[in-house]
Amino acid sequence: MKILKEIYGVGILFFYYMKYIILFGWPLLRYGLEYKDNIIMNILWIFCLMLMIKDLIYKFVLKRSYCEDASCSSKK
């Protein structure tokens, strides 16, 4: 069970910091620098696109925040 928690934590950190780099970098590498097609990177790119869409929906459509009202430092 501990190994699953570690994998989950690594996944969260990886996609939190890498989703924008993958989302904008992979098309640049494919079409700008003519890298070969890679199915794993294509799947990661689609996953990052879904995460970005989810973030936009939460922020602009649903106007929700990921933190509780009392713990948000920006809402004072």
PDB file of N, CA and C in Angstrom:
ATOM      1  N   MET A   1       0.821  -1.198   0.000  1.00  0.00           N
ATOM      2  CA  MET A   1       0.000   0.000   0.000  1.00  0.00           C
ATOM      3  C   MET A   1       0.866   1.264   0.000  1.00  0.00           C
ATOM      4  N   LYS A   2       2.017   1.187   0.656  1.00  0.00           N
ATOM      5  CA  LYS A   2       2.914   2.339   0.708  1.00  0.00           C
ATOM      6  C   LYS A   2       3.463   2.677  -0.676  1.00  0.00           C
ATOM      7  N   ILE A   3       3.747   1.648  -1.471  1.00  0.00           N
ATOM      8  CA  ILE A   3       4.289   1.889  -2.813  1.00  0.00           C
ATOM      9  C   ILE A   3       3.259   2.597  -3.694  1.00  0.00           C
ATOM     10  N   LEU A   4       1.976   2.292  -3.517  1.00  0.00           N
ATOM     11  CA  LEU A   4       0.935   2.975  -4.289  1.00  0.00           C
ATOM     12  C   LEU A   4       0.834   4.442  -3.911  1.00  0.00           C
ATOM     13  N   LYS A   5       1.007   4.756  -2.627  1.00  0.00           N
ATOM     14  CA  LYS A   5       0.981   6.150  -2.194  1.00  0.00           C
ATOM     15  C   LYS A   5       2.169   6.918  -2.768  1.00  0.00           C
ATOM     16  N   GLU A   6       3.326   6.250  -2.831  1.00  0.00           N
ATOM     17  CA  GLU A   6       4.503   6.905  -3.391  1.00  0.00           C
ATOM     18  C   GLU A   6       4.337   7.153  -4.892  1.00  0.00           C
ATOM     19  N   ILE A   7       3.781   6.190  -5.601  1.00  0.00           N
ATOM     20  CA  ILE A   7       3.541   6.357  -7.040  1.00  0.00           C
ATOM     21  C   ILE A   7       2.534   7.477  -7.274  1.00  0.00           C
ATOM     22  N   TYR A   8       1.493   7.523  -6.468  1.00  0.00           N
ATOM     23  CA  TYR A   8       0.483   8.581  -6.578  1.00  0.00           C
ATOM     24  C   TYR A   8       1.112   9.950  -6.331  1.00  0.00           C
ATOM     25  N   GLY A   9       1.948  10.061  -5.307  1.00  0.00           N
ATOM     26  CA  GLY A   9       2.611  11.328  -4.999  1.00  0.00           C
ATOM     27  C   GLY A   9       3.549  11.770  -6.103  1.00  0.00           C
ATOM     28  N   VAL A  10       4.290  10.838  -6.654  1.00  0.00           N
ATOM     29  CA  VAL A  10       5.199  11.167  -7.754  1.00  0.00           C
ATOM     30  C   VAL A  10       4.407  11.608  -8.980  1.00  0.00           C
ATOM     31  N   GLY A  11       3.286  10.945  -9.245  1.00  0.00           N
ATOM     32  CA  GLY A  11       2.444  11.332 -10.384  1.00  0.00           C
ATOM     33  C   GLY A  11       1.895  12.732 -10.239  1.00  0.00           C
ATOM     34  N   ILE A  12       1.453  13.069  -9.031  1.00  0.00           N
ATOM     35  CA  ILE A  12       0.921  14.417  -8.787  1.00  0.00           C
ATOM     36  C   ILE A  12       2.009  15.460  -9.002  1.00  0.00           C
ATOM     37  N   LEU A  13       3.179  15.245  -8.427  1.00  0.00           N
ATOM     38  CA  LEU A  13       4.265  16.213  -8.595  1.00  0.00           C
ATOM     39  C   LEU A  13       4.712  16.318 -10.046  1.00  0.00           C
ATOM     40  N   PHE A  14       4.816  15.181 -10.720  1.00  0.00           N
ATOM     41  CA  PHE A  14       5.260  15.193 -12.110  1.00  0.00           C
ATOM     42  C   PHE A  14       4.310  16.016 -12.974  1.00  0.00           C
ATOM     43  N   PHE A  15       3.023  15.734 -12.890  1.00  0.00           N
ATOM     44  CA  PHE A  15       2.087  16.429 -13.762  1.00  0.00           C
ATOM     45  C   PHE A  15       1.813  17.856 -13.308  1.00  0.00           C
ATOM     46  N   TYR A  16       2.007  18.170 -12.030  1.00  0.00           N
ATOM     47  CA  TYR A  16       1.830  19.550 -11.575  1.00  0.00           C
ATOM     48  C   TYR A  16       2.889  20.444 -12.207  1.00  0.00           C
ATOM     49  N   TYR A  17       4.126  19.963 -12.270  1.00  0.00           N
ATOM     50  CA  TYR A  17       5.213  20.787 -12.789  1.00  0.00           C
ATOM     51  C   TYR A  17       5.455  20.596 -14.281  1.00  0.00           C
ATOM     52  N   MET A  18       5.088  19.454 -14.834  1.00  0.00           N
ATOM     53  CA  MET A  18       5.457  19.151 -16.206  1.00  0.00           C
ATOM     54  C   MET A  18       4.326  19.322 -17.222  1.00  0.00           C
ATOM     55  N   LYS A  19       3.088  19.532 -16.773  1.00  0.00           N
ATOM     56  CA  LYS A  19       1.988  19.537 -17.741  1.00  0.00           C
ATOM     57  C   LYS A  19       2.106  20.658 -18.765  1.00  0.00           C
ATOM     58  N   TYR A  20       2.557  21.829 -18.364  1.00  0.00           N
ATOM     59  CA  TYR A  20       2.682  22.920 -19.322  1.00  0.00           C
ATOM     60  C   TYR A  20       3.870  22.705 -20.257  1.00  0.00           C
ATOM     61  N   ILE A  21       4.944  22.155 -19.735  1.00  0.00           N
ATOM     62  CA  ILE A  21       6.120  21.880 -20.571  1.00  0.00           C
ATOM     63  C   ILE A  21       5.785  20.836 -21.621  1.00  0.00           C
ATOM     64  N   ILE A  22       5.101  19.774 -21.211  1.00  0.00           N
ATOM     65  CA  ILE A  22       4.709  18.734 -22.164  1.00  0.00           C
ATOM     66  C   ILE A  22       3.675  19.278 -23.146  1.00  0.00           C
ATOM     67  N   LEU A  23       2.714  20.029 -22.644  1.00  0.00           N
ATOM     68  CA  LEU A  23       1.624  20.525 -23.484  1.00  0.00           C
ATOM     69  C   LEU A  23       2.129  21.434 -24.608  1.00  0.00           C
ATOM     70  N   PHE A  24       3.072  22.309 -24.296  1.00  0.00           N
ATOM     71  CA  PHE A  24       3.580  23.237 -25.310  1.00  0.00           C
ATOM     72  C   PHE A  24       4.872  22.754 -25.958  1.00  0.00           C
ATOM     73  N   GLY A  25       5.640  21.946 -25.257  1.00  0.00           N
ATOM     74  CA  GLY A  25       6.936  21.509 -25.767  1.00  0.00           C
ATOM     75  C   GLY A  25       6.868  20.381 -26.764  1.00  0.00           C
ATOM     76  N   TRP A  26       5.943  19.434 -26.551  1.00  0.00           N
ATOM     77  CA  TRP A  26       5.890  18.284 -27.455  1.00  0.00           C
ATOM     78  C   TRP A  26       5.499  18.674 -28.891  1.00  0.00           C
ATOM     79  N   PRO A  27       4.483  19.511 -29.093  1.00  0.00           N
ATOM     80  CA  PRO A  27       4.216  19.927 -30.484  1.00  0.00           C
ATOM     81  C   PRO A  27       5.370  20.721 -31.094  1.00  0.00           C
ATOM     82  N   LEU A  28       6.048  21.508 -30.279  1.00  0.00           N
ATOM     83  CA  LEU A  28       7.204  22.255 -30.772  1.00  0.00           C
ATOM     84  C   LEU A  28       8.308  21.304 -31.220  1.00  0.00           C
ATOM     85  N   LEU A  29       8.561  20.266 -30.428  1.00  0.00           N
ATOM     86  CA  LEU A  29       9.576  19.294 -30.813  1.00  0.00           C
ATOM     87  C   LEU A  29       9.167  18.509 -32.058  1.00  0.00           C
ATOM     88  N   ARG A  30       7.891  18.142 -32.137  1.00  0.00           N
ATOM     89  CA  ARG A  30       7.432  17.324 -33.275  1.00  0.00           C
ATOM     90  C   ARG A  30       7.432  18.109 -34.567  1.00  0.00           C
ATOM     91  N   TYR A  31       6.894  19.321 -34.534  1.00  0.00           N
ATOM     92  CA  TYR A  31       6.722  20.057 -35.787  1.00  0.00           C
ATOM     93  C   TYR A  31       7.833  21.075 -36.036  1.00  0.00           C
ATOM     94  N   GLY A  32       8.425  21.590 -34.972  1.00  0.00           N
ATOM     95  CA  GLY A  32       9.495  22.566 -35.153  1.00  0.00           C
ATOM     96  C   GLY A  32      10.838  21.918 -35.373  1.00  0.00           C
ATOM     97  N   LEU A  33      11.126  20.863 -34.617  1.00  0.00           N
ATOM     98  CA  LEU A  33      12.428  20.207 -34.717  1.00  0.00           C
ATOM     99  C   LEU A  33      12.349  18.830 -35.362  1.00  0.00           C
ATOM    100  N   GLU A  34      11.171  18.459 -35.826  1.00  0.00           N
ATOM    101  CA  GLU A  34      10.927  17.231 -36.579  1.00  0.00           C
ATOM    102  C   GLU A  34      11.342  15.964 -35.823  1.00  0.00           C
ATOM    103  N   TYR A  35      10.945  15.876 -34.542  1.00  0.00           N
ATOM    104  CA  TYR A  35      11.146  14.631 -33.801  1.00  0.00           C
ATOM    105  C   TYR A  35      10.201  13.570 -34.334  1.00  0.00           C
ATOM    106  N   LYS A  36      10.583  12.306 -34.155  1.00  0.00           N
ATOM    107  CA  LYS A  36       9.745  11.201 -34.623  1.00  0.00           C
ATOM    108  C   LYS A  36       8.536  11.043 -33.710  1.00  0.00           C
ATOM    109  N   ASP A  37       7.478  10.462 -34.263  1.00  0.00           N
ATOM    110  CA  ASP A  37       6.258  10.209 -33.510  1.00  0.00           C
ATOM    111  C   ASP A  37       6.533   9.197 -32.402  1.00  0.00           C
ATOM    112  N   ASN A  38       5.965   9.462 -31.209  1.00  0.00           N
ATOM    113  CA  ASN A  38       6.162   8.592 -30.054  1.00  0.00           C
ATOM    114  C   ASN A  38       4.807   8.420 -29.370  1.00  0.00           C
ATOM    115  N   ILE A  39       4.300   7.197 -29.326  1.00  0.00           N
ATOM    116  CA  ILE A  39       2.966   6.938 -28.802  1.00  0.00           C
ATOM    117  C   ILE A  39       2.867   7.279 -27.316  1.00  0.00           C
ATOM    118  N   ILE A  40       3.911   7.044 -26.549  1.00  0.00           N
ATOM    119  CA  ILE A  40       3.884   7.337 -25.109  1.00  0.00           C
ATOM    120  C   ILE A  40       3.792   8.844 -24.880  1.00  0.00           C
ATOM    121  N   MET A  41       4.555   9.619 -25.616  1.00  0.00           N
ATOM    122  CA  MET A  41       4.491  11.071 -25.475  1.00  0.00           C
ATOM    123  C   MET A  41       3.160  11.614 -25.974  1.00  0.00           C
ATOM    124  N   ASN A  42       2.594  10.974 -26.995  1.00  0.00           N
ATOM    125  CA  ASN A  42       1.269  11.401 -27.466  1.00  0.00           C
ATOM    126  C   ASN A  42       0.222  11.184 -26.387  1.00  0.00           C
ATOM    127  N   ILE A  43       0.287  10.051 -25.688  1.00  0.00           N
ATOM    128  CA  ILE A  43      -0.654   9.776 -24.602  1.00  0.00           C
ATOM    129  C   ILE A  43      -0.438  10.757 -23.453  1.00  0.00           C
ATOM    130  N   LEU A  44       0.818  11.032 -23.090  1.00  0.00           N
ATOM    131  CA  LEU A  44       1.104  12.022 -22.047  1.00  0.00           C
ATOM    132  C   LEU A  44       0.603  13.403 -22.449  1.00  0.00           C
ATOM    133  N   TRP A  45       0.751  13.751 -23.729  1.00  0.00           N
ATOM    134  CA  TRP A  45       0.289  15.054 -24.200  1.00  0.00           C
ATOM    135  C   TRP A  45      -1.232  15.168 -24.073  1.00  0.00           C
ATOM    136  N   ILE A  46      -1.950  14.116 -24.442  1.00  0.00           N
ATOM    137  CA  ILE A  46      -3.413  14.130 -24.324  1.00  0.00           C
ATOM    138  C   ILE A  46      -3.832  14.233 -22.859  1.00  0.00           C
ATOM    139  N   PHE A  47      -3.139  13.502 -21.979  1.00  0.00           N
ATOM    140  CA  PHE A  47      -3.435  13.565 -20.551  1.00  0.00           C
ATOM    141  C   PHE A  47      -3.192  14.972 -20.004  1.00  0.00           C
ATOM    142  N   CYS A  48      -2.094  15.606 -20.415  1.00  0.00           N
ATOM    143  CA  CYS A  48      -1.805  16.974 -19.972  1.00  0.00           C
ATOM    144  C   CYS A  48      -2.831  17.953 -20.525  1.00  0.00           C
ATOM    145  N   LEU A  49      -3.301  17.725 -21.735  1.00  0.00           N
ATOM    146  CA  LEU A  49      -4.346  18.569 -22.304  1.00  0.00           C
ATOM    147  C   LEU A  49      -5.634  18.457 -21.496  1.00  0.00           C
ATOM    148  N   MET A  50      -5.979  17.242 -21.084  1.00  0.00           N
ATOM    149  CA  MET A  50      -7.173  17.054 -20.262  1.00  0.00           C
ATOM    150  C   MET A  50      -7.011  17.742 -18.907  1.00  0.00           C
ATOM    151  N   LEU A  51      -5.815  17.672 -18.311  1.00  0.00           N
ATOM    152  CA  LEU A  51      -5.571  18.361 -17.039  1.00  0.00           C
ATOM    153  C   LEU A  51      -5.684  19.871 -17.199  1.00  0.00           C
ATOM    154  N   MET A  52      -5.194  20.401 -18.298  1.00  0.00           N
ATOM    155  CA  MET A  52      -5.269  21.842 -18.549  1.00  0.00           C
ATOM    156  C   MET A  52      -6.716  22.277 -18.732  1.00  0.00           C
ATOM    157  N   ILE A  53      -7.501  21.511 -19.467  1.00  0.00           N
ATOM    158  CA  ILE A  53      -8.916  21.828 -19.659  1.00  0.00           C
ATOM    159  C   ILE A  53      -9.653  21.782 -18.328  1.00  0.00           C
ATOM    160  N   LYS A  54      -9.333  20.774 -17.506  1.00  0.00           N
ATOM    161  CA  LYS A  54      -9.957  20.674 -16.180  1.00  0.00           C
ATOM    162  C   LYS A  54      -9.619  21.892 -15.330  1.00  0.00           C
ATOM    163  N   ASP A  55      -8.370  22.333 -15.372  1.00  0.00           N
ATOM    164  CA  ASP A  55      -7.970  23.523 -14.611  1.00  0.00           C
ATOM    165  C   ASP A  55      -8.709  24.764 -15.085  1.00  0.00           C
ATOM    166  N   LEU A  56      -8.862  24.913 -16.400  1.00  0.00           N
ATOM    167  CA  LEU A  56      -9.576  26.069 -16.932  1.00  0.00           C
ATOM    168  C   LEU A  56     -11.050  26.045 -16.551  1.00  0.00           C
ATOM    169  N   ILE A  57     -11.665  24.882 -16.591  1.00  0.00           N
ATOM    170  CA  ILE A  57     -13.074  24.763 -16.208  1.00  0.00           C
ATOM    171  C   ILE A  57     -13.249  25.087 -14.736  1.00  0.00           C
ATOM    172  N   TYR A  58     -12.365  24.558 -13.887  1.00  0.00           N
ATOM    173  CA  TYR A  58     -12.474  24.844 -12.455  1.00  0.00           C
ATOM    174  C   TYR A  58     -12.288  26.322 -12.172  1.00  0.00           C
ATOM    175  N   LYS A  59     -11.340  26.962 -12.863  1.00  0.00           N
ATOM    176  CA  LYS A  59     -11.029  28.356 -12.545  1.00  0.00           C
ATOM    177  C   LYS A  59     -12.043  29.334 -13.124  1.00  0.00           C
ATOM    178  N   PHE A  60     -12.454  29.144 -14.372  1.00  0.00           N
ATOM    179  CA  PHE A  60     -13.266  30.158 -15.035  1.00  0.00           C
ATOM    180  C   PHE A  60     -14.748  29.810 -15.123  1.00  0.00           C
ATOM    181  N   VAL A  61     -15.098  28.552 -15.267  1.00  0.00           N
ATOM    182  CA  VAL A  61     -16.500  28.180 -15.413  1.00  0.00           C
ATOM    183  C   VAL A  61     -17.133  27.927 -14.055  1.00  0.00           C
ATOM    184  N   LEU A  62     -16.530  27.061 -13.268  1.00  0.00           N
ATOM    185  CA  LEU A  62     -17.087  26.730 -11.960  1.00  0.00           C
ATOM    186  C   LEU A  62     -16.641  27.697 -10.871  1.00  0.00           C
ATOM    187  N   LYS A  63     -15.571  28.452 -11.144  1.00  0.00           N
ATOM    188  CA  LYS A  63     -15.001  29.431 -10.207  1.00  0.00           C
ATOM    189  C   LYS A  63     -14.751  28.824  -8.830  1.00  0.00           C
ATOM    190  N   ARG A  64     -14.149  27.644  -8.845  1.00  0.00           N
ATOM    191  CA  ARG A  64     -13.781  26.961  -7.609  1.00  0.00           C
ATOM    192  C   ARG A  64     -12.288  27.070  -7.390  1.00  0.00           C
ATOM    193  N   SER A  65     -11.908  26.854  -6.150  1.00  0.00           N
ATOM    194  CA  SER A  65     -10.513  26.843  -5.783  1.00  0.00           C
ATOM    195  C   SER A  65     -10.180  25.483  -5.192  1.00  0.00           C
ATOM    196  N   TYR A  66      -8.924  25.113  -5.250  1.00  0.00           N
ATOM    197  CA  TYR A  66      -8.512  23.838  -4.696  1.00  0.00           C
ATOM    198  C   TYR A  66      -8.315  23.903  -3.179  1.00  0.00           C
ATOM    199  N   CYS A  67      -8.285  25.085  -2.614  1.00  0.00           N
ATOM    200  CA  CYS A  67      -8.078  25.205  -1.177  1.00  0.00           C
ATOM    201  C   CYS A  67      -9.384  25.575  -0.484  1.00  0.00           C
ATOM    202  N   GLU A  68      -9.422  25.344   0.814  1.00  0.00           N
ATOM    203  CA  GLU A  68     -10.598  25.704   1.608  1.00  0.00           C
ATOM    204  C   GLU A  68     -10.669  27.220   1.762  1.00  0.00           C
ATOM    205  N   ASP A  69     -11.857  27.743   2.039  1.00  0.00           N
ATOM    206  CA  ASP A  69     -12.012  29.198   2.164  1.00  0.00           C
ATOM    207  C   ASP A  69     -11.175  29.793   3.286  1.00  0.00           C
ATOM    208  N   ALA A  70     -11.054  29.092   4.401  1.00  0.00           N
ATOM    209  CA  ALA A  70     -10.296  29.625   5.538  1.00  0.00           C
ATOM    210  C   ALA A  70      -8.794  29.527   5.314  1.00  0.00           C
ATOM    211  N   SER A  71      -8.343  28.614   4.460  1.00  0.00           N
ATOM    212  CA  SER A  71      -6.906  28.427   4.322  1.00  0.00           C
ATOM    213  C   SER A  71      -6.312  29.168   3.134  1.00  0.00           C
ATOM    214  N   CYS A  72      -7.122  29.797   2.304  1.00  0.00           N
ATOM    215  CA  CYS A  72      -6.589  30.530   1.152  1.00  0.00           C
ATOM    216  C   CYS A  72      -5.990  31.846   1.634  1.00  0.00           C
ATOM    217  N   SER A  73      -4.722  32.067   1.307  1.00  0.00           N
ATOM    218  CA  SER A  73      -4.065  33.293   1.748  1.00  0.00           C
ATOM    219  C   SER A  73      -4.503  34.490   0.914  1.00  0.00           C
ATOM    220  N   SER A  74      -5.016  34.274  -0.298  1.00  0.00           N
ATOM    221  CA  SER A  74      -5.404  35.387  -1.152  1.00  0.00           C
ATOM    222  C   SER A  74      -6.791  35.932  -0.819  1.00  0.00           C
ATOM    223  N   LYS A  75      -7.574  35.188  -0.053  1.00  0.00           N
ATOM    224  CA  LYS A  75      -8.930  35.637   0.306  1.00  0.00           C
ATOM    225  C   LYS A  75      -8.933  36.170   1.722  1.00  0.00           C
ATOM    226  N   LYS A  76      -8.529  37.415   1.869  1.00  0.00           N
ATOM    227  CA  LYS A  76      -8.520  38.036   3.209  1.00  0.00           C
ATOM    228  C   LYS A  76      -9.417  39.224   3.224  1.00  0.00           C
TER     229      LYS A  76
END
